[in-house]
Protein backbone atom coordinates (compact mmCIF):
# COMPACT_ATOMS: atom_id res chain seq x y z
CA MET A 1 -1.24 4.75 21.33
CA LEU A 2 -0.88 2.86 18.08
CA GLU A 3 2.16 0.76 17.28
CA PHE A 4 3.08 -1.02 14.06
CA ARG A 5 4.68 -4.44 14.52
CA PRO A 6 5.19 -6.52 11.37
CA GLN A 7 5.11 -10.29 11.68
CA GLY A 8 8.64 -11.51 10.95
CA HIS A 9 11.37 -9.58 9.16
CA GLY A 10 10.27 -9.77 5.53
CA ASP A 11 9.73 -7.08 2.96
CA LEU A 12 6.99 -4.50 3.41
CA LEU A 13 5.14 -4.30 0.08
CA VAL A 14 3.24 -1.05 -0.34
CA ALA A 15 1.12 0.04 -3.31
CA CYS A 16 2.85 3.03 -4.96
CA LEU A 17 2.86 4.98 -8.18
CA VAL A 18 6.21 6.07 -9.61
CA SER A 19 6.88 8.90 -12.02
CA ARG A 20 9.99 10.02 -13.89
CA TRP A 21 10.20 13.49 -15.39
CA GLN A 22 13.05 14.41 -17.70
CA GLY A 23 13.72 18.07 -18.43
CA PRO A 24 16.59 19.96 -19.99
CA GLY A 25 19.59 18.96 -17.90
CA GLU A 26 17.59 17.50 -15.02
CA GLU A 27 15.61 14.47 -13.96
CA LEU A 28 13.02 14.14 -11.23
CA LEU A 29 12.00 10.79 -9.78
CA SER A 30 8.99 10.77 -7.48
CA PHE A 31 6.54 8.34 -5.95
CA ALA A 32 3.28 8.40 -4.04
CA ALA A 33 2.05 5.70 -1.68
CA ILE A 34 -1.57 4.76 -2.31
CA THR A 35 -3.84 5.12 0.70
CA ASP A 36 -7.28 3.90 1.69
CA GLU A 37 -9.67 4.40 4.57
CA PRO A 38 -8.04 3.15 7.77
CA PRO A 39 -9.05 0.19 9.91
CA ALA A 40 -11.18 1.18 12.92
CA GLU A 41 -8.26 1.18 15.38
CA VAL A 42 -6.20 3.49 13.16
CA ALA A 43 -9.15 5.87 12.71
CA ALA A 44 -9.67 5.86 16.48
CA ALA A 45 -6.07 7.07 16.88
CA GLY A 46 -6.92 10.09 14.70
CA HIS A 47 -5.64 8.98 11.29
CA ASP A 48 -7.96 9.39 8.31
CA ARG A 49 -5.84 7.42 5.78
CA CYS A 50 -3.73 4.25 5.80
CA ILE A 51 -1.20 2.97 3.26
CA VAL A 52 -2.31 0.00 1.15
CA PRO A 53 -0.03 -2.99 1.72
CA ILE A 54 0.16 -5.69 -0.93
CA LYS A 55 0.28 -9.36 -0.03
CA THR A 56 3.10 -11.31 -1.70
CA GLU A 57 0.60 -13.42 -3.64
CA HIS A 58 -0.86 -10.23 -5.22
CA LEU A 59 2.49 -8.66 -6.13
CA ASP A 60 2.61 -10.00 -9.69
CA ALA A 61 -0.93 -8.73 -10.40
CA TRP A 62 0.08 -5.28 -9.11
CA LEU A 63 3.32 -5.09 -11.12
CA ASN A 64 1.96 -6.73 -14.31
CA PRO A 65 -1.72 -5.79 -14.53
CA GLY A 66 -2.45 -7.16 -18.02
CA PRO A 67 -6.01 -6.92 -19.36
CA LYS A 68 -7.09 -10.11 -17.57
CA ARG A 69 -5.83 -8.80 -14.23
CA ARG A 70 -7.25 -5.29 -14.48
CA ALA A 71 -10.27 -6.25 -12.36
CA ASP A 72 -7.89 -7.34 -9.58
CA LEU A 73 -6.50 -3.80 -9.38
CA TYR A 74 -9.96 -2.39 -8.70
CA ARG A 75 -10.70 -4.70 -5.81
CA LYS A 76 -11.32 -2.75 -2.61
CA SER A 77 -8.87 -4.69 -0.49
CA TRP A 78 -5.56 -6.33 -1.32
CA THR A 79 -5.28 -7.52 2.26
CA THR A 80 -7.56 -8.17 5.18
CA GLU A 81 -7.87 -5.81 8.14
CA SER A 82 -5.74 -8.15 10.26
CA ASP A 83 -2.94 -8.01 7.68
CA ARG A 84 -2.76 -4.23 7.86
CA ILE A 85 -1.99 -3.43 11.45
CA THR A 86 -1.92 -4.73 14.98
CA ASN A 87 -3.33 -2.53 17.72
CA ILE A 88 -1.03 -2.75 20.72
CA GLY A 89 -2.98 -0.48 23.03
């Protein structure tokens, strides 16, 4: 069994892409959470993907990725494995 238990009661920041489509007389808002390969304990539970959480200190780089920050967006990991999930048992 795998259980998600966040530390504290703060915001959960997740990497997402948002799209807005405007057509004649209608509007569609959609989003997709960005995923990555899961930590070992998540893979062991049968999941092949895991959402990408964003640490608070990386939030500005994610929301405002100017030319100097573009390299930050291509980094493999925004968090460490221990930040992603806690395996309860």
